[in-house]
Amino acid sequence: YDVPDVDYALWREKLVNAGRDDHNDNALLPLLPAFAPVREHMGGIKTAPNFDMAKFRDALDAAGLAHLKCPPVTASLLSVYFNYWSQIDYIPSHSMGDDDGNDDTMFEMES
């Protein structure tokens, strides 16, 4: 999957426009108020959602799972998610066509 680097203002405008479509099921639409119109205003008290991890960590501690850590988001980690979502038909399969007519998947699953 080609995920281009898009200017924030353009990205937000597309999200706002997607919200005008009654049939759009974009999962980010309910979070639109958290995305300030101007990127430089992101993180302000009025716009930033509270992602406090304290209760999450407390729950892990209570369950004896305090050793669990969230891995950093990398291309390798994203490939695991994209491949899984493709396998369960949540997103369409994505393959890259070669000149030889064979399709090779863009991401490889980690073992």
Foldseek 3Di string as FASTA:
>chain_A
DDDDDDDLLVVLVVLVVLVVDPPRPPVCNVLSQLCDNDNVCHPDPRRHDDPDCVVVCVVCVVVVNNVDDDDDDDPLVVLQVVVVCCVVVVDPQDWDADPVRDTDGPHDHDD
